[in-house]
Amino acid sequence: AGAARMAMADTANGTATRSLAAVESSSRAAMVDLRRQLDLLHGR
């Protein structure tokens, strides 16, 4: 998503860029939550 967003940054398709940015942001947030849950499962 990050690569696609940067590739489309020069285009006029702002909606697609925002969507890709949202995908990138959501995936990062999901990774943060995932690591947090894994720490809980490990007892940390």
Full PDB file with SEQRES, HELIX, SHEET, SSBOND, CRYST1, ORIGX, SCALE, CONECT and MASTER records, all heavy atoms in Angstrom:
SEQRES   1 A   44  ALA GLY ALA ALA ARG MET ALA MET ALA ASP THR ALA ASN          
SEQRES   2 A   44  GLY THR ALA THR ARG SER LEU ALA ALA VAL GLU SER SER          
SEQRES   3 A   44  SER ARG ALA ALA MET VAL ASP LEU ARG ARG GLN LEU ASP          
SEQRES   4 A   44  LEU LEU HIS GLY ARG                                          
HELIX    1 AA1 GLY A    2  ALA A    7  1                                   6    
HELIX    2 AA2 GLY A   14  LEU A   41  1                                  28    
CRYST1    1.000    1.000    1.000  90.00  90.00  90.00 P 1           1          
ORIGX1      1.000000  0.000000  0.000000        0.00000                         
ORIGX2      0.000000  1.000000  0.000000        0.00000                         
ORIGX3      0.000000  0.000000  1.000000        0.00000                         
SCALE1      1.000000  0.000000  0.000000        0.00000                         
SCALE2      0.000000  1.000000  0.000000        0.00000                         
SCALE3      0.000000  0.000000  1.000000        0.00000                         
ATOM      1  N   ALA A   1       0.832  -1.204   0.000  1.00  0.00           N  
ATOM      2  CA  ALA A   1       0.000   0.000   0.000  1.00  0.00           C  
ATOM      3  C   ALA A   1       0.863   1.248   0.000  1.00  0.00           C  
ATOM      4  O   ALA A   1       0.583   2.235  -0.701  1.00  0.00           O  
ATOM      5  CB  ALA A   1      -0.929  -0.009   1.212  1.00  0.00           C  
ATOM      6  N   GLY A   2       1.947   1.229   0.798  1.00  0.00           N  
ATOM      7  CA  GLY A   2       2.837   2.377   0.816  1.00  0.00           C  
ATOM      8  C   GLY A   2       3.512   2.605  -0.523  1.00  0.00           C  
ATOM      9  O   GLY A   2       3.642   3.747  -0.993  1.00  0.00           O  
ATOM     10  N   ALA A   3       3.944   1.507  -1.169  1.00  0.00           N  
ATOM     11  CA  ALA A   3       4.577   1.641  -2.478  1.00  0.00           C  
ATOM     12  C   ALA A   3       3.597   2.181  -3.504  1.00  0.00           C  
ATOM     13  O   ALA A   3       3.935   3.064  -4.319  1.00  0.00           O  
ATOM     14  CB  ALA A   3       5.129   0.289  -2.917  1.00  0.00           C  
ATOM     15  N   ALA A   4       2.348   1.672  -3.491  1.00  0.00           N  
ATOM     16  CA  ALA A   4       1.340   2.139  -4.437  1.00  0.00           C  
ATOM     17  C   ALA A   4       0.996   3.604  -4.196  1.00  0.00           C  
ATOM     18  O   ALA A   4       0.801   4.376  -5.137  1.00  0.00           O  
ATOM     19  CB  ALA A   4       0.090   1.272  -4.339  1.00  0.00           C  
ATOM     20  N   ARG A   5       0.939   3.994  -2.926  1.00  0.00           N  
ATOM     21  CA  ARG A   5       0.607   5.391  -2.625  1.00  0.00           C  
ATOM     22  C   ARG A   5       1.682   6.329  -3.170  1.00  0.00           C  
ATOM     23  O   ARG A   5       1.383   7.374  -3.749  1.00  0.00           O  
ATOM     24  CB  ARG A   5       0.472   5.572  -1.110  1.00  0.00           C  
ATOM     25  CG  ARG A   5       0.238   7.013  -0.667  1.00  0.00           C  
ATOM     26  CD  ARG A   5       0.052   7.103   0.836  1.00  0.00           C  
ATOM     27  NE  ARG A   5       1.187   6.515   1.533  1.00  0.00           N  
ATOM     28  CZ  ARG A   5       2.354   7.143   1.719  1.00  0.00           C  
ATOM     29  NH1 ARG A   5       2.557   8.353   1.222  1.00  0.00           N  
ATOM     30  NH2 ARG A   5       3.316   6.550   2.391  1.00  0.00           N  
ATOM     31  N   MET A   6       2.940   5.958  -2.968  1.00  0.00           N  
ATOM     32  CA  MET A   6       4.011   6.818  -3.470  1.00  0.00           C  
ATOM     33  C   MET A   6       4.035   6.845  -4.997  1.00  0.00           C  
ATOM     34  O   MET A   6       4.321   7.871  -5.600  1.00  0.00           O  
ATOM     35  CB  MET A   6       5.356   6.317  -2.931  1.00  0.00           C  
ATOM     36  CG  MET A   6       5.535   6.589  -1.441  1.00  0.00           C  
ATOM     37  SD  MET A   6       7.182   6.161  -0.827  1.00  0.00           S  
ATOM     38  CE  MET A   6       7.111   4.372  -0.945  1.00  0.00           C  
ATOM     39  N   ALA A   7       3.693   5.693  -5.637  1.00  0.00           N  
ATOM     40  CA  ALA A   7       3.679   5.649  -7.097  1.00  0.00           C  
ATOM     41  C   ALA A   7       2.562   6.513  -7.672  1.00  0.00           C  
ATOM     42  O   ALA A   7       2.678   7.063  -8.773  1.00  0.00           O  
ATOM     43  CB  ALA A   7       3.530   4.208  -7.576  1.00  0.00           C  
ATOM     44  N   MET A   8       1.454   6.622  -6.913  1.00  0.00           N  
ATOM     45  CA  MET A   8       0.305   7.397  -7.403  1.00  0.00           C  
ATOM     46  C   MET A   8       0.309   8.828  -6.883  1.00  0.00           C  
ATOM     47  O   MET A   8      -0.633   9.570  -7.102  1.00  0.00           O  
ATOM     48  CB  MET A   8      -0.998   6.706  -6.981  1.00  0.00           C  
ATOM     49  CG  MET A   8      -1.153   5.302  -7.574  1.00  0.00           C  
ATOM     50  SD  MET A   8      -2.719   4.554  -7.074  1.00  0.00           S  
ATOM     51  CE  MET A   8      -3.880   5.680  -7.833  1.00  0.00           C  
ATOM     52  N   ALA A   9       1.370   9.222  -6.177  1.00  0.00           N  
ATOM     53  CA  ALA A   9       1.362  10.552  -5.570  1.00  0.00           C  
ATOM     54  C   ALA A   9       1.309  11.663  -6.616  1.00  0.00           C  
ATOM     55  O   ALA A   9       0.781  12.748  -6.357  1.00  0.00           O  
ATOM     56  CB  ALA A   9       2.600  10.723  -4.682  1.00  0.00           C  
ATOM     57  N   ASP A  10       1.891  11.404  -7.817  1.00  0.00           N  
ATOM     58  CA  ASP A  10       1.946  12.442  -8.841  1.00  0.00           C  
ATOM     59  C   ASP A  10       0.706  12.473  -9.726  1.00  0.00           C  
ATOM     60  O   ASP A  10       0.586  13.326 -10.591  1.00  0.00           O  
ATOM     61  CB  ASP A  10       3.179  12.247  -9.724  1.00  0.00           C  
ATOM     62  CG  ASP A  10       4.469  12.394  -8.933  1.00  0.00           C  
ATOM     63  OD1 ASP A  10       4.437  13.139  -7.919  1.00  0.00           O  
ATOM     64  OD2 ASP A  10       5.473  11.748  -9.296  1.00  0.00           O  
ATOM     65  N   THR A  11      -0.183  11.520  -9.524  1.00  0.00           N  
ATOM     66  CA  THR A  11      -1.402  11.480 -10.339  1.00  0.00           C  
ATOM     67  C   THR A  11      -2.470  12.342  -9.695  1.00  0.00           C  
ATOM     68  O   THR A  11      -2.341  12.806  -8.564  1.00  0.00           O  
ATOM     69  CB  THR A  11      -1.900  10.031 -10.496  1.00  0.00           C  
ATOM     70  OG1 THR A  11      -2.368   9.582  -9.228  1.00  0.00           O  
ATOM     71  CG2 THR A  11      -0.778   9.122 -10.975  1.00  0.00           C  
ATOM     72  N   ALA A  12      -3.522  12.519 -10.448  1.00  0.00           N  
ATOM     73  CA  ALA A  12      -4.623  13.352  -9.946  1.00  0.00           C  
ATOM     74  C   ALA A  12      -5.670  12.543  -9.215  1.00  0.00           C  
ATOM     75  O   ALA A  12      -6.700  13.074  -8.821  1.00  0.00           O  
ATOM     76  CB  ALA A  12      -5.277  14.097 -11.119  1.00  0.00           C  
ATOM     77  N   ASN A  13      -5.447  11.254  -9.074  1.00  0.00           N  
ATOM     78  CA  ASN A  13      -6.444  10.401  -8.436  1.00  0.00           C  
ATOM     79  C   ASN A  13      -6.287  10.479  -6.921  1.00  0.00           C  
ATOM     80  O   ASN A  13      -5.688   9.611  -6.286  1.00  0.00           O  
ATOM     81  CB  ASN A  13      -6.270   8.945  -8.915  1.00  0.00           C  
ATOM     82  CG  ASN A  13      -7.477   8.091  -8.575  1.00  0.00           C  
ATOM     83  OD1 ASN A  13      -8.284   8.464  -7.720  1.00  0.00           O  
ATOM     84  ND2 ASN A  13      -7.589   6.954  -9.236  1.00  0.00           N  
ATOM     85  N   GLY A  14      -6.791  11.537  -6.342  1.00  0.00           N  
ATOM     86  CA  GLY A  14      -6.659  11.744  -4.901  1.00  0.00           C  
ATOM     87  C   GLY A  14      -7.418  10.728  -4.083  1.00  0.00           C  
ATOM     88  O   GLY A  14      -6.986  10.345  -2.991  1.00  0.00           O  
ATOM     89  N   THR A  15      -8.567  10.266  -4.587  1.00  0.00           N  
ATOM     90  CA  THR A  15      -9.357   9.279  -3.834  1.00  0.00           C  
ATOM     91  C   THR A  15      -8.589   7.987  -3.661  1.00  0.00           C  
ATOM     92  O   THR A  15      -8.545   7.408  -2.569  1.00  0.00           O  
ATOM     93  CB  THR A  15     -10.685   9.004  -4.553  1.00  0.00           C  
ATOM     94  OG1 THR A  15     -11.404  10.231  -4.692  1.00  0.00           O  
ATOM     95  CG2 THR A  15     -11.519   8.009  -3.768  1.00  0.00           C  
ATOM     96  N   ALA A  16      -7.956   7.523  -4.746  1.00  0.00           N  
ATOM     97  CA  ALA A  16      -7.173   6.282  -4.651  1.00  0.00           C  
ATOM     98  C   ALA A  16      -6.001   6.463  -3.710  1.00  0.00           C  
ATOM     99  O   ALA A  16      -5.661   5.568  -2.927  1.00  0.00           O  
ATOM    100  CB  ALA A  16      -6.690   5.864  -6.036  1.00  0.00           C  
ATOM    101  N   THR A  17      -5.372   7.630  -3.757  1.00  0.00           N  
ATOM    102  CA  THR A  17      -4.239   7.883  -2.858  1.00  0.00           C  
ATOM    103  C   THR A  17      -4.670   7.856  -1.402  1.00  0.00           C  
ATOM    104  O   THR A  17      -4.006   7.271  -0.538  1.00  0.00           O  
ATOM    105  CB  THR A  17      -3.605   9.237  -3.195  1.00  0.00           C  
ATOM    106  OG1 THR A  17      -3.178   9.240  -4.566  1.00  0.00           O  
ATOM    107  CG2 THR A  17      -2.406   9.516  -2.296  1.00  0.00           C  
ATOM    108  N   ARG A  18      -5.824   8.492  -1.111  1.00  0.00           N  
ATOM    109  CA  ARG A  18      -6.326   8.491   0.268  1.00  0.00           C  
ATOM    110  C   ARG A  18      -6.679   7.083   0.721  1.00  0.00           C  
ATOM    111  O   ARG A  18      -6.418   6.694   1.867  1.00  0.00           O  
ATOM    112  CB  ARG A  18      -7.551   9.407   0.381  1.00  0.00           C  
ATOM    113  CG  ARG A  18      -7.223  10.890   0.343  1.00  0.00           C  
ATOM    114  CD  ARG A  18      -8.416  11.712   0.800  1.00  0.00           C  
ATOM    115  NE  ARG A  18      -9.607  11.460  -0.003  1.00  0.00           N  
ATOM    116  CZ  ARG A  18      -9.908  12.127  -1.128  1.00  0.00           C  
ATOM    117  NH1 ARG A  18      -9.079  13.071  -1.573  1.00  0.00           N  
ATOM    118  NH2 ARG A  18     -11.004  11.860  -1.797  1.00  0.00           N  
ATOM    119  N   SER A  19      -7.271   6.300  -0.190  1.00  0.00           N  
ATOM    120  CA  SER A  19      -7.639   4.927   0.170  1.00  0.00           C  
ATOM    121  C   SER A  19      -6.404   4.092   0.487  1.00  0.00           C  
ATOM    122  O   SER A  19      -6.364   3.334   1.462  1.00  0.00           O  
ATOM    123  CB  SER A  19      -8.444   4.284  -0.964  1.00  0.00           C  
ATOM    124  OG  SER A  19      -9.650   4.966  -1.156  1.00  0.00           O  
ATOM    125  N   LEU A  20      -5.365   4.255  -0.359  1.00  0.00           N  
ATOM    126  CA  LEU A  20      -4.143   3.509  -0.111  1.00  0.00           C  
ATOM    127  C   LEU A  20      -3.473   3.957   1.184  1.00  0.00           C  
ATOM    128  O   LEU A  20      -2.896   3.154   1.927  1.00  0.00           O  
ATOM    129  CB  LEU A  20      -3.181   3.668  -1.283  1.00  0.00           C  
ATOM    130  CG  LEU A  20      -3.588   2.935  -2.580  1.00  0.00           C  
ATOM    131  CD1 LEU A  20      -2.660   3.313  -3.712  1.00  0.00           C  
ATOM    132  CD2 LEU A  20      -3.572   1.420  -2.361  1.00  0.00           C  
ATOM    133  N   ALA A  21      -3.548   5.250   1.459  1.00  0.00           N  
ATOM    134  CA  ALA A  21      -2.997   5.750   2.716  1.00  0.00           C  
ATOM    135  C   ALA A  21      -3.740   5.164   3.914  1.00  0.00           C  
ATOM    136  O   ALA A  21      -3.138   4.825   4.939  1.00  0.00           O  
ATOM    137  CB  ALA A  21      -3.054   7.281   2.748  1.00  0.00           C  
ATOM    138  N   ALA A  22      -5.055   5.043   3.743  1.00  0.00           N  
ATOM    139  CA  ALA A  22      -5.851   4.441   4.819  1.00  0.00           C  
ATOM    140  C   ALA A  22      -5.489   2.975   5.020  1.00  0.00           C  
ATOM    141  O   ALA A  22      -5.389   2.488   6.148  1.00  0.00           O  
ATOM    142  CB  ALA A  22      -7.345   4.582   4.509  1.00  0.00           C  
ATOM    143  N   VAL A  23      -5.269   2.247   3.900  1.00  0.00           N  
ATOM    144  CA  VAL A  23      -4.868   0.840   4.002  1.00  0.00           C  
ATOM    145  C   VAL A  23      -3.527   0.729   4.714  1.00  0.00           C  
ATOM    146  O   VAL A  23      -3.322  -0.109   5.599  1.00  0.00           O  
ATOM    147  CB  VAL A  23      -4.812   0.194   2.600  1.00  0.00           C  
ATOM    148  CG1 VAL A  23      -4.194  -1.207   2.688  1.00  0.00           C  
ATOM    149  CG2 VAL A  23      -6.201   0.117   1.988  1.00  0.00           C  
ATOM    150  N   GLU A  24      -2.595   1.598   4.320  1.00  0.00           N  
ATOM    151  CA  GLU A  24      -1.276   1.577   4.939  1.00  0.00           C  
ATOM    152  C   GLU A  24      -1.368   1.878   6.438  1.00  0.00           C  
ATOM    153  O   GLU A  24      -0.758   1.197   7.273  1.00  0.00           O  
ATOM    154  CB  GLU A  24      -0.375   2.599   4.255  1.00  0.00           C  
ATOM    155  CG  GLU A  24       1.046   2.637   4.796  1.00  0.00           C  
ATOM    156  CD  GLU A  24       1.880   3.719   4.118  1.00  0.00           C  
ATOM    157  OE1 GLU A  24       1.321   4.505   3.327  1.00  0.00           O  
ATOM    158  OE2 GLU A  24       3.089   3.770   4.409  1.00  0.00           O  
ATOM    159  N   SER A  25      -2.137   2.890   6.794  1.00  0.00           N  
ATOM    160  CA  SER A  25      -2.274   3.267   8.197  1.00  0.00           C  
ATOM    161  C   SER A  25      -2.955   2.181   9.005  1.00  0.00           C  
ATOM    162  O   SER A  25      -2.539   1.851  10.124  1.00  0.00           O  
ATOM    163  CB  SER A  25      -3.062   4.576   8.298  1.00  0.00           C  
ATOM    164  OG  SER A  25      -3.264   4.938   9.639  1.00  0.00           O  
ATOM    165  N   SER A  26      -4.008   1.591   8.417  1.00  0.00           N  
ATOM    166  CA  SER A  26      -4.725   0.531   9.126  1.00  0.00           C  
ATOM    167  C   SER A  26      -3.856  -0.696   9.327  1.00  0.00           C  
ATOM    168  O   SER A  26      -3.917  -1.352  10.369  1.00  0.00           O  
ATOM    169  CB  SER A  26      -5.996   0.163   8.359  1.00  0.00           C  
ATOM    170  OG  SER A  26      -6.889   1.261   8.299  1.00  0.00           O  
ATOM    171  N   SER A  27      -3.043  -1.032   8.331  1.00  0.00           N  
ATOM    172  CA  SER A  27      -2.176  -2.203   8.477  1.00  0.00           C  
ATOM    173  C   SER A  27      -1.141  -1.974   9.575  1.00  0.00           C  
ATOM    174  O   SER A  27      -0.822  -2.889  10.338  1.00  0.00           O  
ATOM    175  CB  SER A  27      -1.492  -2.527   7.152  1.00  0.00           C  
ATOM    176  OG  SER A  27      -0.613  -1.478   6.758  1.00  0.00           O  
ATOM    177  N   ARG A  28      -0.632  -0.743   9.652  1.00  0.00           N  
ATOM    178  CA  ARG A  28       0.320  -0.446  10.727  1.00  0.00           C  
ATOM    179  C   ARG A  28      -0.357  -0.525  12.095  1.00  0.00           C  
ATOM    180  O   ARG A  28       0.221  -1.059  13.052  1.00  0.00           O  
ATOM    181  CB  ARG A  28       0.916   0.940  10.509  1.00  0.00           C  
ATOM    182  CG  ARG A  28       1.877   1.024   9.315  1.00  0.00           C  
ATOM    183  CD  ARG A  28       2.344   2.444   9.095  1.00  0.00           C  
ATOM    184  NE  ARG A  28       3.277   2.522   7.964  1.00  0.00           N  
ATOM    185  CZ  ARG A  28       3.727   3.660   7.458  1.00  0.00           C  
ATOM    186  NH1 ARG A  28       3.321   4.820   7.975  1.00  0.00           N  
ATOM    187  NH2 ARG A  28       4.563   3.650   6.433  1.00  0.00           N  
ATOM    188  N   ALA A  29      -1.574   0.000  12.186  1.00  0.00           N  
ATOM    189  CA  ALA A  29      -2.309  -0.075  13.457  1.00  0.00           C  
ATOM    190  C   ALA A  29      -2.605  -1.525  13.819  1.00  0.00           C  
ATOM    191  O   ALA A  29      -2.541  -1.919  14.994  1.00  0.00           O  
ATOM    192  CB  ALA A  29      -3.610   0.724  13.357  1.00  0.00           C  
ATOM    193  N   ALA A  30      -2.940  -2.326  12.785  1.00  0.00           N  
ATOM    194  CA  ALA A  30      -3.200  -3.747  13.042  1.00  0.00           C  
ATOM    195  C   ALA A  30      -1.959  -4.441  13.568  1.00  0.00           C  
ATOM    196  O   ALA A  30      -2.026  -5.287  14.464  1.00  0.00           O  
ATOM    197  CB  ALA A  30      -3.693  -4.427  11.771  1.00  0.00           C  
ATOM    198  N   MET A  31      -0.784  -4.086  13.028  1.00  0.00           N  
ATOM    199  CA  MET A  31       0.461  -4.688  13.503  1.00  0.00           C  
ATOM    200  C   MET A  31       0.745  -4.291  14.951  1.00  0.00           C  
ATOM    201  O   MET A  31       1.218  -5.105  15.758  1.00  0.00           O  
ATOM    202  CB  MET A  31       1.622  -4.269  12.602  1.00  0.00           C  
ATOM    203  CG  MET A  31       1.643  -4.963  11.252  1.00  0.00           C  
ATOM    204  SD  MET A  31       1.747  -6.767  11.420  1.00  0.00           S  
ATOM    205  CE  MET A  31       3.297  -6.930  12.290  1.00  0.00           C  
ATOM    206  N   VAL A  32       0.455  -3.050  15.311  1.00  0.00           N  
ATOM    207  CA  VAL A  32       0.664  -2.615  16.694  1.00  0.00           C  
ATOM    208  C   VAL A  32      -0.240  -3.405  17.638  1.00  0.00           C  
ATOM    209  O   VAL A  32       0.194  -3.922  18.685  1.00  0.00           O  
ATOM    210  CB  VAL A  32       0.402  -1.103  16.828  1.00  0.00           C  
ATOM    211  CG1 VAL A  32       0.415  -0.692  18.306  1.00  0.00           C  
ATOM    212  CG2 VAL A  32       1.450  -0.313  16.056  1.00  0.00           C  
ATOM    213  N   ASP A  33      -1.533  -3.528  17.271  1.00  0.00           N  
ATOM    214  CA  ASP A  33      -2.458  -4.297  18.103  1.00  0.00           C  
ATOM    215  C   ASP A  33      -2.061  -5.759  18.155  1.00  0.00           C  
ATOM    216  O   ASP A  33      -2.174  -6.418  19.200  1.00  0.00           O  
ATOM    217  CB  ASP A  33      -3.884  -4.169  17.562  1.00  0.00           C  
ATOM    218  CG  ASP A  33      -4.522  -2.841  17.956  1.00  0.00           C  
ATOM    219  OD1 ASP A  33      -3.970  -2.185  18.854  1.00  0.00           O  
ATOM    220  OD2 ASP A  33      -5.550  -2.474  17.354  1.00  0.00           O  
ATOM    221  N   LEU A  34      -1.603  -6.291  17.028  1.00  0.00           N  
ATOM    222  CA  LEU A  34      -1.201  -7.696  16.983  1.00  0.00           C  
ATOM    223  C   LEU A  34      -0.024  -7.945  17.924  1.00  0.00           C  
ATOM    224  O   LEU A  34      -0.017  -8.914  18.692  1.00  0.00           O  
ATOM    225  CB  LEU A  34      -0.836  -8.098  15.548  1.00  0.00           C  
ATOM    226  CG  LEU A  34      -0.328  -9.532  15.365  1.00  0.00           C  
ATOM    227  CD1 LEU A  34      -1.369 -10.535  15.806  1.00  0.00           C  
ATOM    228  CD2 LEU A  34       0.063  -9.755  13.907  1.00  0.00           C  
ATOM    229  N   ARG A  35       0.979  -7.075  17.868  1.00  0.00           N  
ATOM    230  CA  ARG A  35       2.131  -7.252  18.760  1.00  0.00           C  
ATOM    231  C   ARG A  35       1.708  -7.139  20.222  1.00  0.00           C  
ATOM    232  O   ARG A  35       2.214  -7.852  21.086  1.00  0.00           O  
ATOM    233  CB  ARG A  35       3.198  -6.202  18.433  1.00  0.00           C  
ATOM    234  CG  ARG A  35       3.878  -6.398  17.081  1.00  0.00           C  
ATOM    235  CD  ARG A  35       5.115  -5.528  16.951  1.00  0.00           C  
ATOM    236  NE  ARG A  35       5.725  -5.666  15.633  1.00  0.00           N  
ATOM    237  CZ  ARG A  35       5.538  -4.827  14.628  1.00  0.00           C  
ATOM    238  NH1 ARG A  35       4.738  -3.780  14.799  1.00  0.00           N  
ATOM    239  NH2 ARG A  35       6.119  -5.028  13.471  1.00  0.00           N  
ATOM    240  N   ARG A  36       0.792  -6.226  20.499  1.00  0.00           N  
ATOM    241  CA  ARG A  36       0.315  -6.064  21.871  1.00  0.00           C  
ATOM    242  C   ARG A  36      -0.390  -7.335  22.351  1.00  0.00           C  
ATOM    243  O   ARG A  36      -0.165  -7.807  23.475  1.00  0.00           O  
ATOM    244  CB  ARG A  36      -0.635  -4.862  21.960  1.00  0.00           C  
ATOM    245  CG  ARG A  36      -1.077  -4.552  23.390  1.00  0.00           C  
ATOM    246  CD  ARG A  36      -2.035  -3.387  23.405  1.00  0.00           C  
ATOM    247  NE  ARG A  36      -1.379  -2.139  23.031  1.00  0.00           N  
ATOM    248  CZ  ARG A  36      -1.700  -1.417  21.971  1.00  0.00           C  
ATOM    249  NH1 ARG A  36      -2.668  -1.818  21.158  1.00  0.00           N  
ATOM    250  NH2 ARG A  36      -1.069  -0.289  21.700  1.00  0.00           N  
ATOM    251  N   GLN A  37      -1.239  -7.911  21.510  1.00  0.00           N  
ATOM    252  CA  GLN A  37      -1.934  -9.141  21.885  1.00  0.00           C  
ATOM    253  C   GLN A  37      -0.961 -10.310  22.020  1.00  0.00           C  
ATOM    254  O   GLN A  37      -1.118 -11.163  22.905  1.00  0.00           O  
ATOM    255  CB  GLN A  37      -3.020  -9.471  20.850  1.00  0.00           C  
ATOM    256  CG  GLN A  37      -4.118  -8.423  20.731  1.00  0.00           C  
ATOM    257  CD  GLN A  37      -4.800  -8.172  22.053  1.00  0.00           C  
ATOM    258  OE1 GLN A  37      -5.038  -9.088  22.831  1.00  0.00           O  
ATOM    259  NE2 GLN A  37      -5.129  -6.904  22.317  1.00  0.00           N  
ATOM    260  N   LEU A  38       0.046 -10.353  21.166  1.00  0.00           N  
ATOM    261  CA  LEU A  38       1.050 -11.411  21.276  1.00  0.00           C  
ATOM    262  C   LEU A  38       1.821 -11.285  22.589  1.00  0.00           C  
ATOM    263  O   LEU A  38       2.136 -12.294  23.232  1.00  0.00           O  
ATOM    264  CB  LEU A  38       2.019 -11.343  20.090  1.00  0.00           C  
ATOM    265  CG  LEU A  38       1.438 -11.738  18.716  1.00  0.00           C  
ATOM    266  CD1 LEU A  38       2.478 -11.514  17.630  1.00  0.00           C  
ATOM    267  CD2 LEU A  38       0.979 -13.180  18.719  1.00  0.00           C  
ATOM    268  N   ASP A  39       2.113 -10.059  22.993  1.00  0.00           N  
ATOM    269  CA  ASP A  39       2.787  -9.865  24.274  1.00  0.00           C  
ATOM    270  C   ASP A  39       1.925 -10.364  25.429  1.00  0.00           C  
ATOM    271  O   ASP A  39       2.425 -10.974  26.381  1.00  0.00           O  
ATOM    272  CB  ASP A  39       3.119  -8.382  24.477  1.00  0.00           C  
ATOM    273  CG  ASP A  39       4.290  -7.929  23.603  1.00  0.00           C  
ATOM    274  OD1 ASP A  39       5.032  -8.812  23.130  1.00  0.00           O  
ATOM    275  OD2 ASP A  39       4.439  -6.715  23.386  1.00  0.00           O  
ATOM    276  N   LEU A  40       0.625 -10.116  25.346  1.00  0.00           N  
ATOM    277  CA  LEU A  40      -0.278 -10.598  26.398  1.00  0.00           C  
ATOM    278  C   LEU A  40      -0.317 -12.114  26.425  1.00  0.00           C  
ATOM    279  O   LEU A  40      -0.321 -12.737  27.493  1.00  0.00           O  
ATOM    280  CB  LEU A  40      -1.684 -10.023  26.195  1.00  0.00           C  
ATOM    281  CG  LEU A  40      -1.838  -8.519  26.431  1.00  0.00           C  
ATOM    282  CD1 LEU A  40      -3.250  -8.079  26.097  1.00  0.00           C  
ATOM    283  CD2 LEU A  40      -1.501  -8.173  27.874  1.00  0.00           C  
ATOM    284  N   LEU A  41      -0.358 -12.736  25.243  1.00  0.00           N  
ATOM    285  CA  LEU A  41      -0.368 -14.202  25.195  1.00  0.00           C  
ATOM    286  C   LEU A  41       0.918 -14.782  25.756  1.00  0.00           C  
ATOM    287  O   LEU A  41       0.931 -15.856  26.359  1.00  0.00           O  
ATOM    288  CB  LEU A  41      -0.582 -14.677  23.750  1.00  0.00           C  
ATOM    289  CG  LEU A  41      -1.999 -14.574  23.201  1.00  0.00           C  
ATOM    290  CD1 LEU A  41      -2.022 -14.911  21.725  1.00  0.00           C  
ATOM    291  CD2 LEU A  41      -2.938 -15.486  23.962  1.00  0.00           C  
ATOM    292  N   HIS A  42       2.021 -14.052  25.560  1.00  0.00           N  
ATOM    293  CA  HIS A  42       3.306 -14.515  26.088  1.00  0.00           C  
ATOM    294  C   HIS A  42       3.463 -14.179  27.568  1.00  0.00           C  
ATOM    295  O   HIS A  42       4.483 -14.516  28.165  1.00  0.00           O  
ATOM    296  CB  HIS A  42       4.461 -13.872  25.310  1.00  0.00           C  
ATOM    297  CG  HIS A  42       4.730 -14.536  23.988  1.00  0.00           C  
ATOM    298  ND1 HIS A  42       5.075 -15.862  23.886  1.00  0.00           N  
ATOM    299  CD2 HIS A  42       4.694 -14.063  22.717  1.00  0.00           C  
ATOM    300  CE1 HIS A  42       5.253 -16.178  22.608  1.00  0.00           C  
ATOM    301  NE2 HIS A  42       5.021 -15.101  21.882  1.00  0.00           N  
ATOM    302  N   GLY A  43       2.458 -13.510  28.152  1.00  0.00           N  
ATOM    303  CA  GLY A  43       2.550 -13.165  29.564  1.00  0.00           C  
ATOM    304  C   GLY A  43       3.320 -11.904  29.835  1.00  0.00           C  
ATOM    305  O   GLY A  43       3.707 -11.646  30.977  1.00  0.00           O  
ATOM    306  N   ARG A  44       3.566 -11.091  28.818  1.00  0.00           N  
ATOM    307  CA  ARG A  44       4.289  -9.827  28.995  1.00  0.00           C  
ATOM    308  C   ARG A  44       3.301  -8.672  28.879  1.00  0.00           C  
ATOM    309  O   ARG A  44       2.507  -8.604  27.956  1.00  0.00           O  
ATOM    310  CB  ARG A  44       5.384  -9.668  27.935  1.00  0.00           C  
ATOM    311  CG  ARG A  44       6.448 -10.756  27.979  1.00  0.00           C  
ATOM    312  CD  ARG A  44       7.629 -10.368  27.107  1.00  0.00           C  
ATOM    313  NE  ARG A  44       7.255 -10.201  25.709  1.00  0.00           N  
ATOM    314  CZ  ARG A  44       7.321 -11.171  24.811  1.00  0.00           C  
ATOM    315  NH1 ARG A  44       7.735 -12.378  25.167  1.00  0.00           N  
ATOM    316  NH2 ARG A  44       6.978 -10.953  23.551  1.00  0.00           N  
TER     317      ARG A  44                                                      
MASTER        0    0    0    2    0    0    0    6  316    1    0    4          
END                                                                             
